[in-house]
């Protein structure tokens, strides 16, 4: 199963959009700009400290991760301090959780194994 890129997402949305009563339907460039603006707006608002919630779909917020110690894998005794940092938190909404319930654990493991194999 391949990943969906923005261009493919635009094509899928356009195929599901019906023209309005005047027969108007946005073209792929317009729809691409709308999608790009939506995600840029989400990123900007979260970057300014605002929470963004898309009802039933997901919510974006930020949290401050505490400072912690880490190590470099494969190097014995390596230790480094990771400072506290602000990170984005994603919380799936009701509709997204319902869609995820369709995916069985065995199927998810098979997909992840295939992804890992393709990336190595």
Protein backbone atom coordinates (compact mmCIF):
# COMPACT_ATOMS: atom_id res chain seq x y z
CA UNK A 1 0.00 0.00 0.00
CA UNK A 2 1.60 3.27 -1.07
CA UNK A 3 1.56 6.59 0.73
CA UNK A 4 -0.78 9.30 -0.50
CA UNK A 5 0.92 12.48 -1.67
CA UNK A 6 -0.72 15.89 -1.99
CA UNK A 7 -1.26 15.53 -5.75
CA UNK A 8 -3.08 12.23 -5.35
CA UNK A 9 -5.15 13.66 -2.50
CA UNK A 10 -6.20 16.55 -4.75
CA UNK A 11 -7.17 14.12 -7.53
CA UNK A 12 -9.26 12.03 -5.13
CA UNK A 13 -11.07 15.08 -3.73
CA UNK A 14 -11.76 16.48 -7.21
CA UNK A 15 -13.28 13.17 -8.31
CA UNK A 16 -15.71 13.31 -5.38
CA UNK A 17 -16.67 16.98 -5.78
CA UNK A 18 -19.89 17.58 -7.61
CA UNK A 19 -20.35 20.85 -9.50
CA UNK A 20 -22.52 23.46 -7.76
CA UNK A 21 -25.86 24.68 -9.16
CA UNK A 22 -24.00 26.90 -11.67
CA UNK A 23 -21.87 24.00 -12.88
CA UNK A 24 -18.74 25.38 -11.21
CA UNK A 25 -16.08 23.06 -9.82
CA UNK A 26 -12.61 24.18 -8.66
CA UNK A 27 -9.64 22.99 -10.67
CA UNK A 28 -6.68 21.07 -9.25
CA UNK A 29 -4.51 24.18 -8.84
CA UNK A 30 -7.18 25.99 -6.82
CA UNK A 31 -7.84 22.95 -4.66
CA UNK A 32 -4.09 22.44 -4.13
CA UNK A 33 -3.77 26.06 -2.99
CA UNK A 34 -6.68 25.62 -0.57
CA UNK A 35 -5.14 22.48 0.95
CA UNK A 36 -1.73 24.17 1.22
CA UNK A 37 -3.27 27.24 2.88
CA UNK A 38 -5.23 25.08 5.32
CA UNK A 39 -2.14 23.27 6.59
CA UNK A 40 -0.04 26.46 6.65
CA UNK A 41 -2.76 28.16 8.71
CA UNK A 42 -2.86 25.22 11.15
CA UNK A 43 0.95 25.33 11.51
CA UNK A 44 0.97 29.11 12.00
CA UNK A 45 -1.79 29.10 14.60
CA UNK A 46 -0.23 26.27 16.61
CA UNK A 47 3.11 28.08 16.31
CA UNK A 48 1.50 31.14 17.94
CA UNK A 49 0.20 29.05 20.82
CA UNK A 50 -3.37 28.50 19.63
CA UNK A 51 -5.05 25.10 19.64
CA UNK A 52 -6.63 24.04 16.34
CA UNK A 53 -9.53 21.57 16.41
CA UNK A 54 -11.16 20.13 13.31
CA UNK A 55 -14.37 18.76 14.76
CA UNK A 56 -14.64 14.96 14.70
CA UNK A 57 -11.38 14.69 12.77
CA UNK A 58 -8.42 15.80 14.89
CA UNK A 59 -6.92 18.46 17.12
CA UNK A 60 -3.48 20.06 17.12
CA UNK A 61 -1.99 21.61 20.22
CA UNK A 62 1.44 21.97 21.76
CA UNK A 63 3.12 20.69 24.88
CA UNK A 64 6.44 21.33 26.58
CA UNK A 65 8.54 18.16 26.88
CA UNK A 66 10.71 18.06 29.98
CA UNK A 67 14.48 18.02 29.73
CA UNK A 68 15.83 14.48 29.76
CA UNK A 69 18.88 12.34 29.25
CA UNK A 70 19.47 10.41 26.07
CA UNK A 71 22.11 8.16 24.65
CA UNK A 72 23.52 7.42 21.23
CA UNK A 73 22.69 3.85 20.18
CA UNK A 74 25.72 1.69 19.55
CA UNK A 75 28.10 3.82 21.61
CA UNK A 76 28.59 2.45 25.10
CA UNK A 77 28.47 5.02 27.88
CA UNK A 78 27.34 7.82 25.58
CA UNK A 79 25.10 10.28 27.37
CA UNK A 80 23.71 13.60 26.27
CA UNK A 81 21.33 16.12 27.76
CA UNK A 82 18.22 16.86 25.73
CA UNK A 83 16.83 20.28 26.71
CA UNK A 84 13.14 20.91 27.26
CA UNK A 85 11.37 21.72 24.03
CA UNK A 86 7.98 22.69 22.63
CA UNK A 87 6.42 19.99 20.43
CA UNK A 88 3.17 19.63 18.51
CA UNK A 89 0.65 17.18 19.87
CA UNK A 90 -1.85 15.50 17.55
CA UNK A 91 -5.05 14.04 18.93
CA UNK A 92 -7.31 12.03 16.61
CA UNK A 93 -11.01 12.80 16.68
CA UNK A 94 -14.03 10.51 16.67
CA UNK A 95 -14.20 10.02 12.90
CA UNK A 96 -10.49 9.24 12.62
CA UNK A 97 -10.65 6.76 15.51
CA UNK A 98 -13.62 5.02 13.84
CA UNK A 99 -11.65 4.72 10.59
CA UNK A 100 -8.67 3.28 12.46
CA UNK A 101 -10.87 0.58 14.02
CA UNK A 102 -11.28 -0.91 10.54
CA UNK A 103 -7.56 -1.70 10.47
CA UNK A 104 -6.82 -4.97 12.26
CA UNK A 105 -3.62 -5.45 14.26
CA UNK A 106 -2.40 -8.22 11.96
CA UNK A 107 -3.04 -6.10 8.86
CA UNK A 108 -1.27 -3.10 10.46
CA UNK A 109 1.76 -5.26 11.30
CA UNK A 110 1.86 -6.56 7.72
CA UNK A 111 1.75 -3.00 6.31
CA UNK A 112 4.44 -1.76 8.72
CA UNK A 113 6.68 -4.71 7.91
CA UNK A 114 6.28 -3.96 4.20
CA UNK A 115 7.07 -0.26 4.77
CA UNK A 116 10.18 -1.11 6.76
CA UNK A 117 11.34 -3.53 4.06
CA UNK A 118 10.91 -0.87 1.34
CA UNK A 119 12.80 1.82 3.29
CA UNK A 120 15.88 -0.31 4.00
